[in-house]
Amino acid sequence: MVGCCCIKPAVLLAQQLHPEESDVIEFMDGDQIRGKVKQIQRGVLTLDPDQLEDMVTIKLRNIKSITARRKLYLIESVANIKYLGILEPGRGAGWVKIIQGRDTTELFIEDLDNIENMDDNFWKRLDGSASLGFSYSRSSNIGRVNESHNMTYSTRNWLFLTSGDLMYTIDNEFKGIEKADLAVQAYIEFWKKWFAVSSVQFQRSTELGLSARMQAAEGAGPILIKNRRNDLRAATGFSVQKEYSTDSINAGRAVSLEIPLFVNYYLYRLGTPYLTLQATNSVFFSVSQAGRWRADQNVTLYWKIVTHLNLNVQVYLDYDSKPPDVTAQKVDFGTVFSIGYSW
C-alpha cells in the first residue's frame, strides 16, 4: 500500500504531460507565439519558436500567460522554493499555475527566478557562454588575447559549473599563458536560504610569481538577498592547495590549508540596454603560513546586444601578501574587453 501511494503522484504527473503540443506564450496585448520553452533565467524567458530559426528571448513582465506541458520543468521562485512540474495559465494576466500531480501552486510570472528543462538528452541540459577579446593590465603595458567561458549542467538538486579565464601574452620577453583560472564546481541549495559548494581549481599568474596552483575547496553559507534584480550570497569553509613558484630555485611549496570567504553578487537590469553586473570576491586566509592572505576579485559587466551576443567588460584585481616568488609583485590588476556568444 505504501508503494502505491508513492507511485501515484508521479504517474498522475506523467499523465498530465502533452509531449506532442507546442508551448504557448501569450503577450499582454493578446498575441501568441508557439514553440519550446528552453529556460527562464534572470527575468527573461528563452523560447525555441516553431516558425523561426533562431531563439527568441522575452522579458517576463511582457508575458500574460505561459502554457508548457511537453515535459517536466525544474522551477525555482525568487523565494527560493523549488517545484517539479508543468506550467498552465494562472488566475489572471501575469500569473502562472504550476501543476505537480495533485498539487497546484500559483505564482506571479515575474516571481519565476529560474526554470530548467529536465530533458533526458544530456546536451540539451547544457547552457553556457564563451568570449574572446583583448586586455590591458599593469603587468607589462601590452595587449593580450583573453578567452573566457562558462558552462552549466542542471539536475533536480545539483548545479554543475565549469568556468575559465585565460590570458595569452605575445611579447619580446615572454610568450605564453600569463594568467589562467580554471574551475569545476558542484552547487546545491538547501533549507530555502542556504547553499553548499565544492570546487576544484587551477590558477596561474606570472605577475604574482605563481607558476601553478591546484586547489580544492568546500564551503557553505546563506543566500542573503534574492529578488528580481539582486542576488547576494556568501560562504566560508576550508581549502587545500599546492603551489609551484616561477622561481626555479624554490619551485614548490608544501600542501597548505586556508580558510576562504566567498562573496558573490549579481545585479540585473532588464530594460534597455539589457545589462548584468557580476561581482565575484574571494579572500583566503592561510592557516599553514602565518600572516599570509590573498584575494581574487572580479567585476564583470555584460551588455546583451542581440539574442546570443554580448559585449563584456571585466575588471580584476589579484593580491597575495606573501607570493610564492619573493621577488614577484604582490598586486596584479587589469581590464578585459571582450565579445561573447551564449547558448
C-alpha atoms as a PDB file:
ATOM      1  CA  MET A   1       0.000   0.000   0.000  1.00  0.00           C
ATOM      2  CA  VAL A   2       2.866   2.356   0.791  1.00  0.00           C
ATOM      3  CA  GLY A   3       4.413   1.724  -2.622  1.00  0.00           C
ATOM      4  CA  CYS A   4       1.169   2.628  -4.393  1.00  0.00           C
ATOM      5  CA  CYS A   5       0.891   5.931  -2.523  1.00  0.00           C
ATOM      6  CA  CYS A   6       4.411   6.884  -3.571  1.00  0.00           C
ATOM      7  CA  ILE A   7       3.926   5.990  -7.224  1.00  0.00           C
ATOM      8  CA  LYS A   8       0.535   7.573  -7.863  1.00  0.00           C
ATOM      9  CA  PRO A   9       1.629  11.244  -7.847  1.00  0.00           C
ATOM     10  CA  ALA A  10       4.420  10.501 -10.329  1.00  0.00           C
ATOM     11  CA  VAL A  11       2.061   8.537 -12.571  1.00  0.00           C
ATOM     12  CA  LEU A  12      -0.524  11.307 -12.383  1.00  0.00           C
ATOM     13  CA  LEU A  13       2.056  13.925 -13.309  1.00  0.00           C
ATOM     14  CA  ALA A  14       3.233  11.822 -16.252  1.00  0.00           C
ATOM     15  CA  GLN A  15      -0.363  11.576 -17.477  1.00  0.00           C
ATOM     16  CA  GLN A  16      -0.624  15.375 -17.454  1.00  0.00           C
ATOM     17  CA  LEU A  17       2.209  15.752 -19.965  1.00  0.00           C
ATOM     18  CA  HIS A  18       1.404  16.546 -23.600  1.00  0.00           C
ATOM     19  CA  PRO A  19       4.683  15.930 -25.472  1.00  0.00           C
ATOM     20  CA  GLU A  20       3.060  16.498 -28.861  1.00  0.00           C
ATOM     21  CA  GLU A  21       1.882  20.037 -28.024  1.00  0.00           C
ATOM     22  CA  SER A  22       3.871  23.209 -28.564  1.00  0.00           C
ATOM     23  CA  ASP A  23       4.367  25.519 -25.606  1.00  0.00           C
ATOM     24  CA  VAL A  24       2.368  28.750 -25.830  1.00  0.00           C
ATOM     25  CA  ILE A  25       3.460  32.203 -24.667  1.00  0.00           C
ATOM     26  CA  GLU A  26       0.733  34.863 -24.649  1.00  0.00           C
ATOM     27  CA  PHE A  27       1.734  38.522 -24.533  1.00  0.00           C
ATOM     28  CA  MET A  28      -0.072  41.274 -22.664  1.00  0.00           C
ATOM     29  CA  ASP A  29      -1.573  42.541 -25.947  1.00  0.00           C
ATOM     30  CA  GLY A  30      -3.099  39.122 -26.698  1.00  0.00           C
ATOM     31  CA  ASP A  31      -0.584  37.991 -29.332  1.00  0.00           C
ATOM     32  CA  GLN A  32       0.789  34.465 -29.011  1.00  0.00           C
ATOM     33  CA  ILE A  33       3.956  32.653 -30.010  1.00  0.00           C
ATOM     34  CA  ARG A  34       4.373  28.865 -30.048  1.00  0.00           C
ATOM     35  CA  GLY A  35       7.486  26.789 -29.642  1.00  0.00           C
ATOM     36  CA  LYS A  36       9.565  25.110 -26.952  1.00  0.00           C
ATOM     37  CA  VAL A  37      10.382  26.816 -23.658  1.00  0.00           C
ATOM     38  CA  LYS A  38      14.117  26.347 -23.115  1.00  0.00           C
ATOM     39  CA  GLN A  39      14.616  28.205 -19.829  1.00  0.00           C
ATOM     40  CA  ILE A  40      13.760  31.180 -17.673  1.00  0.00           C
ATOM     41  CA  GLN A  41      16.670  32.985 -16.103  1.00  0.00           C
ATOM     42  CA  ARG A  42      17.240  36.476 -14.729  1.00  0.00           C
ATOM     43  CA  GLY A  43      13.816  37.778 -15.721  1.00  0.00           C
ATOM     44  CA  VAL A  44      13.944  36.513 -19.315  1.00  0.00           C
ATOM     45  CA  LEU A  45      12.246  33.532 -20.984  1.00  0.00           C
ATOM     46  CA  THR A  46      14.077  31.808 -23.841  1.00  0.00           C
ATOM     47  CA  LEU A  47      11.867  30.126 -26.468  1.00  0.00           C
ATOM     48  CA  ASP A  48      12.731  27.979 -29.480  1.00  0.00           C
ATOM     49  CA  PRO A  49       9.872  29.097 -31.800  1.00  0.00           C
ATOM     50  CA  ASP A  50       8.140  26.739 -34.224  1.00  0.00           C
ATOM     51  CA  GLN A  51       8.323  29.048 -37.248  1.00  0.00           C
ATOM     52  CA  LEU A  52      11.633  30.839 -36.693  1.00  0.00           C
ATOM     53  CA  GLU A  53      15.186  29.540 -36.933  1.00  0.00           C
ATOM     54  CA  ASP A  54      16.713  31.486 -34.044  1.00  0.00           C
ATOM     55  CA  MET A  55      15.899  31.563 -30.333  1.00  0.00           C
ATOM     56  CA  VAL A  56      13.568  34.271 -29.012  1.00  0.00           C
ATOM     57  CA  THR A  57      14.023  35.975 -25.636  1.00  0.00           C
ATOM     58  CA  ILE A  58      11.024  37.557 -23.885  1.00  0.00           C
ATOM     59  CA  LYS A  59      11.018  39.671 -20.728  1.00  0.00           C
ATOM     60  CA  LEU A  60       8.747  38.153 -18.076  1.00  0.00           C
ATOM     61  CA  ARG A  61       6.996  41.475 -17.475  1.00  0.00           C
ATOM     62  CA  ASN A  62       5.620  41.313 -21.046  1.00  0.00           C
ATOM     63  CA  ILE A  63       4.061  37.847 -20.631  1.00  0.00           C
ATOM     64  CA  LYS A  64       0.353  37.408 -19.895  1.00  0.00           C
ATOM     65  CA  SER A  65       0.334  33.594 -19.616  1.00  0.00           C
ATOM     66  CA  ILE A  66       2.519  30.514 -20.127  1.00  0.00           C
ATOM     67  CA  THR A  67       1.435  27.033 -21.187  1.00  0.00           C
ATOM     68  CA  ALA A  68       4.274  24.478 -21.105  1.00  0.00           C
ATOM     69  CA  ARG A  69       3.154  20.852 -20.791  1.00  0.00           C
ATOM     70  CA  ARG A  70       5.500  18.968 -23.119  1.00  0.00           C
ATOM     71  CA  LYS A  71       7.795  17.795 -20.327  1.00  0.00           C
ATOM     72  CA  LEU A  72       8.712  18.399 -16.705  1.00  0.00           C
ATOM     73  CA  TYR A  73      10.474  21.585 -15.668  1.00  0.00           C
ATOM     74  CA  LEU A  74      12.563  22.305 -12.599  1.00  0.00           C
ATOM     75  CA  ILE A  75      11.097  25.621 -11.435  1.00  0.00           C
ATOM     76  CA  GLU A  76      12.549  27.959  -8.809  1.00  0.00           C
ATOM     77  CA  SER A  77      10.871  31.079  -7.431  1.00  0.00           C
ATOM     78  CA  VAL A  78      12.508  34.255  -6.117  1.00  0.00           C
ATOM     79  CA  ALA A  79      11.568  32.944  -2.650  1.00  0.00           C
ATOM     80  CA  ASN A  80      13.988  30.052  -3.335  1.00  0.00           C
ATOM     81  CA  ILE A  81      11.215  27.431  -3.413  1.00  0.00           C
ATOM     82  CA  LYS A  82      11.647  24.648  -5.975  1.00  0.00           C
ATOM     83  CA  TYR A  83       8.958  22.790  -7.910  1.00  0.00           C
ATOM     84  CA  LEU A  84       8.982  19.974 -10.467  1.00  0.00           C
ATOM     85  CA  GLY A  85       6.007  20.185 -12.776  1.00  0.00           C
ATOM     86  CA  ILE A  86       4.284  21.755 -15.776  1.00  0.00           C
ATOM     87  CA  LEU A  87       3.004  25.287 -16.417  1.00  0.00           C
ATOM     88  CA  GLU A  88      -0.508  26.484 -17.263  1.00  0.00           C
ATOM     89  CA  PRO A  89      -2.232  29.912 -17.247  1.00  0.00           C
ATOM     90  CA  GLY A  90      -2.983  31.223 -13.755  1.00  0.00           C
ATOM     91  CA  ARG A  91      -5.768  33.249 -12.174  1.00  0.00           C
ATOM     92  CA  GLY A  92      -5.260  36.251 -14.432  1.00  0.00           C
ATOM     93  CA  ALA A  93      -2.853  38.249 -16.557  1.00  0.00           C
ATOM     94  CA  GLY A  94       0.733  37.868 -15.382  1.00  0.00           C
ATOM     95  CA  TRP A  95       0.081  34.718 -13.336  1.00  0.00           C
ATOM     96  CA  VAL A  96       1.135  31.106 -13.894  1.00  0.00           C
ATOM     97  CA  LYS A  97      -0.102  27.827 -12.436  1.00  0.00           C
ATOM     98  CA  ILE A  98       2.483  25.159 -11.518  1.00  0.00           C
ATOM     99  CA  ILE A  99       0.986  21.657 -11.517  1.00  0.00           C
ATOM    100  CA  GLN A 100       2.790  18.866  -9.640  1.00  0.00           C
ATOM    101  CA  GLY A 101       0.500  15.866  -9.807  1.00  0.00           C
ATOM    102  CA  ARG A 102      -2.258  16.635  -7.290  1.00  0.00           C
ATOM    103  CA  ASP A 103      -0.560  19.799  -6.007  1.00  0.00           C
ATOM    104  CA  THR A 104      -1.105  23.162  -7.675  1.00  0.00           C
ATOM    105  CA  THR A 105       0.671  26.438  -6.916  1.00  0.00           C
ATOM    106  CA  GLU A 106       0.057  29.852  -8.466  1.00  0.00           C
ATOM    107  CA  LEU A 107       2.827  32.421  -8.842  1.00  0.00           C
ATOM    108  CA  PHE A 108       3.245  35.846 -10.347  1.00  0.00           C
ATOM    109  CA  ILE A 109       5.184  35.256 -13.583  1.00  0.00           C
ATOM    110  CA  GLU A 110       7.826  37.830 -12.635  1.00  0.00           C
ATOM    111  CA  ASP A 111       8.474  35.803  -9.455  1.00  0.00           C
ATOM    112  CA  LEU A 112       9.847  32.924 -11.552  1.00  0.00           C
ATOM    113  CA  ASP A 113      13.574  33.078 -10.896  1.00  0.00           C
ATOM    114  CA  ASN A 114      14.805  30.061 -12.812  1.00  0.00           C
ATOM    115  CA  ILE A 115      13.361  27.281 -14.955  1.00  0.00           C
ATOM    116  CA  GLU A 116      15.478  24.467 -16.323  1.00  0.00           C
ATOM    117  CA  ASN A 117      14.413  21.943 -18.928  1.00  0.00           C
ATOM    118  CA  MET A 118      14.657  18.462 -17.374  1.00  0.00           C
ATOM    119  CA  ASP A 119      15.368  16.873 -20.741  1.00  0.00           C
ATOM    120  CA  ASP A 120      16.715  13.320 -20.860  1.00  0.00           C
ATOM    121  CA  ASN A 121      19.212  14.414 -23.509  1.00  0.00           C
ATOM    122  CA  PHE A 122      22.492  15.359 -21.804  1.00  0.00           C
ATOM    123  CA  TRP A 123      23.433  18.005 -24.374  1.00  0.00           C
ATOM    124  CA  LYS A 124      20.109  19.825 -24.118  1.00  0.00           C
ATOM    125  CA  ARG A 125      20.720  20.490 -20.414  1.00  0.00           C
ATOM    126  CA  LEU A 126      23.929  22.378 -21.108  1.00  0.00           C
ATOM    127  CA  ASP A 127      23.932  26.179 -21.027  1.00  0.00           C
ATOM    128  CA  GLY A 128      26.923  28.422 -21.350  1.00  0.00           C
ATOM    129  CA  SER A 129      28.840  31.215 -22.988  1.00  0.00           C
ATOM    130  CA  ALA A 130      32.282  31.903 -24.416  1.00  0.00           C
ATOM    131  CA  SER A 131      34.036  35.174 -25.138  1.00  0.00           C
ATOM    132  CA  LEU A 132      37.189  36.365 -26.834  1.00  0.00           C
ATOM    133  CA  GLY A 133      38.819  39.757 -26.562  1.00  0.00           C
ATOM    134  CA  PHE A 134      41.829  41.794 -25.643  1.00  0.00           C
ATOM    135  CA  SER A 135      43.060  43.221 -22.378  1.00  0.00           C
ATOM    136  CA  TYR A 136      45.402  45.758 -20.854  1.00  0.00           C
ATOM    137  CA  SER A 137      46.955  45.216 -17.451  1.00  0.00           C
ATOM    138  CA  ARG A 138      49.648  46.574 -15.200  1.00  0.00           C
ATOM    139  CA  SER A 139      51.817  43.537 -15.842  1.00  0.00           C
ATOM    140  CA  SER A 140      53.634  44.727 -18.967  1.00  0.00           C
ATOM    141  CA  ASN A 141      51.755  47.563 -20.682  1.00  0.00           C
ATOM    142  CA  ILE A 142      50.948  45.468 -23.740  1.00  0.00           C
ATOM    143  CA  GLY A 143      47.845  43.946 -25.257  1.00  0.00           C
ATOM    144  CA  ARG A 144      46.904  40.362 -24.646  1.00  0.00           C
ATOM    145  CA  VAL A 145      44.471  37.857 -26.104  1.00  0.00           C
ATOM    146  CA  ASN A 146      41.887  36.879 -23.493  1.00  0.00           C
ATOM    147  CA  GLU A 147      39.493  33.916 -23.547  1.00  0.00           C
ATOM    148  CA  SER A 148      36.782  33.117 -21.022  1.00  0.00           C
ATOM    149  CA  HIS A 149      33.989  30.572 -20.846  1.00  0.00           C
ATOM    150  CA  ASN A 150      31.438  29.027 -18.536  1.00  0.00           C
ATOM    151  CA  MET A 151      29.071  26.101 -18.855  1.00  0.00           C
ATOM    152  CA  THR A 152      26.367  24.736 -16.544  1.00  0.00           C
ATOM    153  CA  TYR A 153      24.545  21.422 -16.294  1.00  0.00           C
ATOM    154  CA  SER A 154      21.424  21.171 -14.127  1.00  0.00           C
ATOM    155  CA  THR A 155      19.821  18.247 -12.324  1.00  0.00           C
ATOM    156  CA  ARG A 156      16.863  18.275  -9.958  1.00  0.00           C
ATOM    157  CA  ASN A 157      19.067  19.046  -6.936  1.00  0.00           C
ATOM    158  CA  TRP A 158      22.528  19.941  -8.217  1.00  0.00           C
ATOM    159  CA  LEU A 159      24.081  22.544 -10.487  1.00  0.00           C
ATOM    160  CA  PHE A 160      27.441  21.670 -12.047  1.00  0.00           C
ATOM    161  CA  LEU A 161      29.562  24.516 -13.382  1.00  0.00           C
ATOM    162  CA  THR A 162      32.812  24.757 -15.269  1.00  0.00           C
ATOM    163  CA  SER A 163      34.403  28.153 -15.879  1.00  0.00           C
ATOM    164  CA  GLY A 164      37.690  29.586 -17.011  1.00  0.00           C
ATOM    165  CA  ASP A 165      39.722  32.666 -17.898  1.00  0.00           C
ATOM    166  CA  LEU A 166      42.887  32.501 -19.955  1.00  0.00           C
ATOM    167  CA  MET A 167      45.285  35.318 -20.844  1.00  0.00           C
ATOM    168  CA  TYR A 168      47.879  34.626 -23.538  1.00  0.00           C
ATOM    169  CA  THR A 169      50.723  37.103 -23.971  1.00  0.00           C
ATOM    170  CA  ILE A 170      52.937  37.609 -27.008  1.00  0.00           C
ATOM    171  CA  ASP A 171      55.934  39.810 -26.224  1.00  0.00           C
ATOM    172  CA  ASN A 172      59.632  40.031 -26.971  1.00  0.00           C
ATOM    173  CA  GLU A 173      60.391  38.933 -23.419  1.00  0.00           C
ATOM    174  CA  PHE A 174      57.558  36.467 -22.830  1.00  0.00           C
ATOM    175  CA  LYS A 175      55.301  34.281 -24.957  1.00  0.00           C
ATOM    176  CA  GLY A 176      52.785  32.001 -23.300  1.00  0.00           C
ATOM    177  CA  ILE A 177      49.992  31.807 -20.744  1.00  0.00           C
ATOM    178  CA  GLU A 178      50.491  34.639 -18.288  1.00  0.00           C
ATOM    179  CA  LYS A 179      47.273  34.264 -16.306  1.00  0.00           C
ATOM    180  CA  ALA A 180      44.826  31.364 -16.021  1.00  0.00           C
ATOM    181  CA  ASP A 181      41.921  30.445 -13.777  1.00  0.00           C
ATOM    182  CA  LEU A 182      40.034  27.201 -14.477  1.00  0.00           C
ATOM    183  CA  ALA A 183      37.443  25.732 -12.107  1.00  0.00           C
ATOM    184  CA  VAL A 184      34.882  22.933 -11.824  1.00  0.00           C
ATOM    185  CA  GLN A 185      32.155  23.323  -9.187  1.00  0.00           C
ATOM    186  CA  ALA A 186      29.191  21.413  -7.774  1.00  0.00           C
ATOM    187  CA  TYR A 187      26.484  23.539  -6.157  1.00  0.00           C
ATOM    188  CA  ILE A 188      23.376  22.672  -4.130  1.00  0.00           C
ATOM    189  CA  GLU A 189      20.782  24.731  -2.240  1.00  0.00           C
ATOM    190  CA  PHE A 190      19.028  23.563   0.938  1.00  0.00           C
ATOM    191  CA  TRP A 191      16.840  24.890   3.772  1.00  0.00           C
ATOM    192  CA  LYS A 192      15.488  27.517   1.326  1.00  0.00           C
ATOM    193  CA  LYS A 193      18.134  30.133   2.132  1.00  0.00           C
ATOM    194  CA  TRP A 194      21.378  28.121   2.336  1.00  0.00           C
ATOM    195  CA  PHE A 195      23.763  26.610  -0.193  1.00  0.00           C
ATOM    196  CA  ALA A 196      26.914  24.479  -0.343  1.00  0.00           C
ATOM    197  CA  VAL A 197      29.617  24.384  -2.986  1.00  0.00           C
ATOM    198  CA  SER A 198      32.545  22.078  -3.786  1.00  0.00           C
ATOM    199  CA  SER A 199      35.230  23.175  -6.226  1.00  0.00           C
ATOM    200  CA  VAL A 200      38.483  22.099  -7.840  1.00  0.00           C
ATOM    201  CA  GLN A 201      40.568  24.901  -9.330  1.00  0.00           C
ATOM    202  CA  PHE A 202      43.775  25.565 -11.277  1.00  0.00           C
ATOM    203  CA  GLN A 203      45.390  29.021 -11.264  1.00  0.00           C
ATOM    204  CA  ARG A 204      48.439  30.634 -12.812  1.00  0.00           C
ATOM    205  CA  SER A 205      49.720  34.223 -12.500  1.00  0.00           C
ATOM    206  CA  THR A 206      53.273  35.002 -13.546  1.00  0.00           C
ATOM    207  CA  GLU A 207      52.921  38.575 -12.243  1.00  0.00           C
ATOM    208  CA  LEU A 208      52.412  37.189  -8.711  1.00  0.00           C
ATOM    209  CA  GLY A 209      55.203  34.630  -9.098  1.00  0.00           C
ATOM    210  CA  LEU A 210      52.741  31.737  -9.382  1.00  0.00           C
ATOM    211  CA  SER A 211      53.575  29.089 -11.961  1.00  0.00           C
ATOM    212  CA  ALA A 212      50.678  26.842 -10.908  1.00  0.00           C
ATOM    213  CA  ARG A 213      48.252  26.384  -8.052  1.00  0.00           C
ATOM    214  CA  MET A 214      45.985  23.346  -7.587  1.00  0.00           C
ATOM    215  CA  GLN A 215      43.230  23.942  -5.081  1.00  0.00           C
ATOM    216  CA  ALA A 216      40.224  22.065  -3.685  1.00  0.00           C
ATOM    217  CA  ALA A 217      37.630  23.874  -1.572  1.00  0.00           C
ATOM    218  CA  GLU A 218      34.436  23.149   0.349  1.00  0.00           C
ATOM    219  CA  GLY A 219      32.121  25.912   1.502  1.00  0.00           C
ATOM    220  CA  ALA A 220      28.612  26.690   2.709  1.00  0.00           C
ATOM    221  CA  GLY A 221      26.688  29.812   3.566  1.00  0.00           C
ATOM    222  CA  PRO A 222      23.467  31.836   3.375  1.00  0.00           C
ATOM    223  CA  ILE A 223      21.647  33.397   0.443  1.00  0.00           C
ATOM    224  CA  LEU A 224      21.484  36.944   1.811  1.00  0.00           C
ATOM    225  CA  ILE A 225      19.406  38.657  -0.890  1.00  0.00           C
ATOM    226  CA  LYS A 226      17.442  37.121  -3.742  1.00  0.00           C
ATOM    227  CA  ASN A 227      14.819  39.014  -5.722  1.00  0.00           C
ATOM    228  CA  ARG A 228      14.037  40.042  -9.292  1.00  0.00           C
ATOM    229  CA  ARG A 229      17.013  42.396  -9.529  1.00  0.00           C
ATOM    230  CA  ASN A 230      19.603  41.272  -6.971  1.00  0.00           C
ATOM    231  CA  ASP A 231      21.321  38.089  -5.841  1.00  0.00           C
ATOM    232  CA  LEU A 232      23.816  38.252  -2.958  1.00  0.00           C
ATOM    233  CA  ARG A 233      25.289  35.213  -1.227  1.00  0.00           C
ATOM    234  CA  ALA A 234      28.314  34.465   0.948  1.00  0.00           C
ATOM    235  CA  ALA A 235      30.089  31.304   2.097  1.00  0.00           C
ATOM    236  CA  THR A 236      33.067  30.077   4.069  1.00  0.00           C
ATOM    237  CA  GLY A 237      34.691  26.703   4.704  1.00  0.00           C
ATOM    238  CA  PHE A 238      38.179  25.350   4.049  1.00  0.00           C
ATOM    239  CA  SER A 239      40.521  24.891   1.103  1.00  0.00           C
ATOM    240  CA  VAL A 240      43.652  22.834   0.457  1.00  0.00           C
ATOM    241  CA  GLN A 241      46.233  23.960  -2.085  1.00  0.00           C
ATOM    242  CA  LYS A 242      49.555  23.038  -3.649  1.00  0.00           C
ATOM    243  CA  GLU A 243      51.621  25.819  -5.247  1.00  0.00           C
ATOM    244  CA  TYR A 244      54.551  25.996  -7.663  1.00  0.00           C
ATOM    245  CA  SER A 245      56.623  29.167  -7.904  1.00  0.00           C
ATOM    246  CA  THR A 246      58.049  30.807 -11.020  1.00  0.00           C
ATOM    247  CA  ASP A 247      61.316  30.876  -9.051  1.00  0.00           C
ATOM    248  CA  SER A 248      63.246  27.853 -10.363  1.00  0.00           C
ATOM    249  CA  ILE A 249      65.270  27.583  -7.141  1.00  0.00           C
ATOM    250  CA  ASN A 250      62.256  27.382  -4.818  1.00  0.00           C
ATOM    251  CA  ALA A 251      59.820  25.887  -7.295  1.00  0.00           C
ATOM    252  CA  GLY A 252      57.496  24.057  -4.926  1.00  0.00           C
ATOM    253  CA  ARG A 253      55.648  24.598  -1.681  1.00  0.00           C
ATOM    254  CA  ALA A 254      54.161  22.048   0.659  1.00  0.00           C
ATOM    255  CA  VAL A 255      50.422  21.468   0.748  1.00  0.00           C
ATOM    256  CA  SER A 256      48.796  24.252   2.765  1.00  0.00           C
ATOM    257  CA  LEU A 257      45.412  24.858   4.390  1.00  0.00           C
ATOM    258  CA  GLU A 258      43.366  28.055   4.046  1.00  0.00           C
ATOM    259  CA  ILE A 259      40.085  29.489   5.332  1.00  0.00           C
ATOM    260  CA  PRO A 260      38.219  31.089   2.405  1.00  0.00           C
ATOM    261  CA  LEU A 261      35.495  33.726   2.338  1.00  0.00           C
ATOM    262  CA  PHE A 262      33.385  33.874  -0.838  1.00  0.00           C
ATOM    263  CA  VAL A 263      31.013  36.756  -1.648  1.00  0.00           C
ATOM    264  CA  ASN A 264      29.123  36.792  -4.967  1.00  0.00           C
ATOM    265  CA  TYR A 265      26.708  39.459  -6.171  1.00  0.00           C
ATOM    266  CA  TYR A 266      24.535  39.778  -9.292  1.00  0.00           C
ATOM    267  CA  LEU A 267      22.613  42.867 -10.396  1.00  0.00           C
ATOM    268  CA  TYR A 268      20.147  42.586 -13.286  1.00  0.00           C
ATOM    269  CA  ARG A 269      18.817  45.464 -15.353  1.00  0.00           C
ATOM    270  CA  LEU A 270      16.107  44.176 -17.682  1.00  0.00           C
ATOM    271  CA  GLY A 271      15.305  47.385 -19.528  1.00  0.00           C
ATOM    272  CA  THR A 272      17.138  48.876 -22.491  1.00  0.00           C
ATOM    273  CA  PRO A 273      20.039  48.336 -22.579  1.00  0.00           C
ATOM    274  CA  TYR A 274      19.895  44.836 -21.063  1.00  0.00           C
ATOM    275  CA  LEU A 275      22.728  44.736 -18.505  1.00  0.00           C
ATOM    276  CA  THR A 276      24.023  42.259 -15.944  1.00  0.00           C
ATOM    277  CA  LEU A 277      26.672  43.061 -13.340  1.00  0.00           C
ATOM    278  CA  GLN A 278      28.528  40.201 -11.652  1.00  0.00           C
ATOM    279  CA  ALA A 279      30.952  40.716  -8.769  1.00  0.00           C
ATOM    280  CA  THR A 280      32.928  37.699  -7.540  1.00  0.00           C
ATOM    281  CA  ASN A 281      35.132  38.181  -4.488  1.00  0.00           C
ATOM    282  CA  SER A 282      37.243  35.515  -2.775  1.00  0.00           C
ATOM    283  CA  VAL A 283      39.592  36.045   0.179  1.00  0.00           C
ATOM    284  CA  PHE A 284      41.821  33.259   1.533  1.00  0.00           C
ATOM    285  CA  PHE A 285      43.440  33.341   4.985  1.00  0.00           C
ATOM    286  CA  SER A 286      46.343  30.917   5.361  1.00  0.00           C
ATOM    287  CA  VAL A 287      46.383  28.552   8.335  1.00  0.00           C
ATOM    288  CA  SER A 288      49.726  26.977   7.403  1.00  0.00           C
ATOM    289  CA  GLN A 289      51.689  30.174   6.691  1.00  0.00           C
ATOM    290  CA  ALA A 290      51.421  32.866   9.355  1.00  0.00           C
ATOM    291  CA  GLY A 291      50.400  36.315   8.160  1.00  0.00           C
ATOM    292  CA  ARG A 292      49.619  35.294   4.594  1.00  0.00           C
ATOM    293  CA  TRP A 293      46.353  36.164   2.911  1.00  0.00           C
ATOM    294  CA  ARG A 294      45.333  36.622  -0.679  1.00  0.00           C
ATOM    295  CA  ALA A 295      42.354  37.934  -2.632  1.00  0.00           C
ATOM    296  CA  ASP A 296      40.823  37.289  -6.064  1.00  0.00           C
ATOM    297  CA  GLN A 297      38.316  39.921  -7.191  1.00  0.00           C
ATOM    298  CA  ASN A 298      36.434  40.160 -10.479  1.00  0.00           C
ATOM    299  CA  VAL A 299      33.713  42.579 -11.564  1.00  0.00           C
ATOM    300  CA  THR A 300      32.146  41.939 -14.986  1.00  0.00           C
ATOM    301  CA  LEU A 301      29.525  43.964 -16.846  1.00  0.00           C
ATOM    302  CA  TYR A 302      27.571  42.128 -19.560  1.00  0.00           C
ATOM    303  CA  TRP A 303      25.664  44.098 -22.200  1.00  0.00           C
ATOM    304  CA  LYS A 304      23.370  41.997 -24.384  1.00  0.00           C
ATOM    305  CA  ILE A 305      23.411  43.369 -27.943  1.00  0.00           C
ATOM    306  CA  VAL A 306      21.203  40.741 -29.612  1.00  0.00           C
ATOM    307  CA  THR A 307      19.862  37.334 -28.572  1.00  0.00           C
ATOM    308  CA  HIS A 308      23.165  35.434 -28.346  1.00  0.00           C
ATOM    309  CA  LEU A 309      25.723  38.232 -28.480  1.00  0.00           C
ATOM    310  CA  ASN A 310      27.190  40.198 -25.537  1.00  0.00           C
ATOM    311  CA  LEU A 311      29.754  42.921 -25.025  1.00  0.00           C
ATOM    312  CA  ASN A 312      31.696  42.341 -21.793  1.00  0.00           C
ATOM    313  CA  VAL A 313      33.955  44.495 -19.644  1.00  0.00           C
ATOM    314  CA  GLN A 314      35.847  42.790 -16.811  1.00  0.00           C
ATOM    315  CA  VAL A 315      37.958  44.436 -14.115  1.00  0.00           C
ATOM    316  CA  TYR A 316      40.113  42.119 -11.998  1.00  0.00           C
ATOM    317  CA  LEU A 317      42.417  42.521  -9.007  1.00  0.00           C
ATOM    318  CA  ASP A 318      44.597  39.779  -7.513  1.00  0.00           C
ATOM    319  CA  TYR A 319      46.591  40.221  -4.297  1.00  0.00           C
ATOM    320  CA  ASP A 320      48.969  37.952  -2.381  1.00  0.00           C
ATOM    321  CA  SER A 321      50.626  39.239   0.800  1.00  0.00           C
ATOM    322  CA  LYS A 322      53.369  36.593   0.503  1.00  0.00           C
ATOM    323  CA  PRO A 323      53.654  35.444  -3.127  1.00  0.00           C
ATOM    324  CA  PRO A 324      55.428  32.130  -3.902  1.00  0.00           C
ATOM    325  CA  ASP A 325      58.289  34.035  -5.574  1.00  0.00           C
ATOM    326  CA  VAL A 326      59.602  36.589  -3.064  1.00  0.00           C
ATOM    327  CA  THR A 327      60.766  38.844  -5.923  1.00  0.00           C
ATOM    328  CA  ALA A 328      57.310  38.941  -7.555  1.00  0.00           C
ATOM    329  CA  GLN A 329      54.707  41.678  -7.336  1.00  0.00           C
ATOM    330  CA  LYS A 330      52.006  41.409  -4.656  1.00  0.00           C
ATOM    331  CA  VAL A 331      49.275  43.009  -6.775  1.00  0.00           C
ATOM    332  CA  ASP A 332      48.060  42.442 -10.325  1.00  0.00           C
ATOM    333  CA  PHE A 333      45.074  44.219 -11.845  1.00  0.00           C
ATOM    334  CA  GLY A 334      43.686  44.952 -15.274  1.00  0.00           C
ATOM    335  CA  THR A 335      40.722  45.434 -17.584  1.00  0.00           C
ATOM    336  CA  VAL A 336      39.460  42.992 -20.205  1.00  0.00           C
ATOM    337  CA  PHE A 337      37.183  43.917 -23.121  1.00  0.00           C
ATOM    338  CA  SER A 338      35.580  41.033 -24.995  1.00  0.00           C
ATOM    339  CA  ILE A 339      32.689  39.966 -27.168  1.00  0.00           C
ATOM    340  CA  GLY A 340      30.824  36.817 -26.170  1.00  0.00           C
ATOM    341  CA  TYR A 341      28.385  34.242 -27.518  1.00  0.00           C
ATOM    342  CA  SER A 342      25.854  32.435 -25.309  1.00  0.00           C
ATOM    343  CA  TRP A 343      23.778  29.300 -25.937  1.00  0.00           C
END
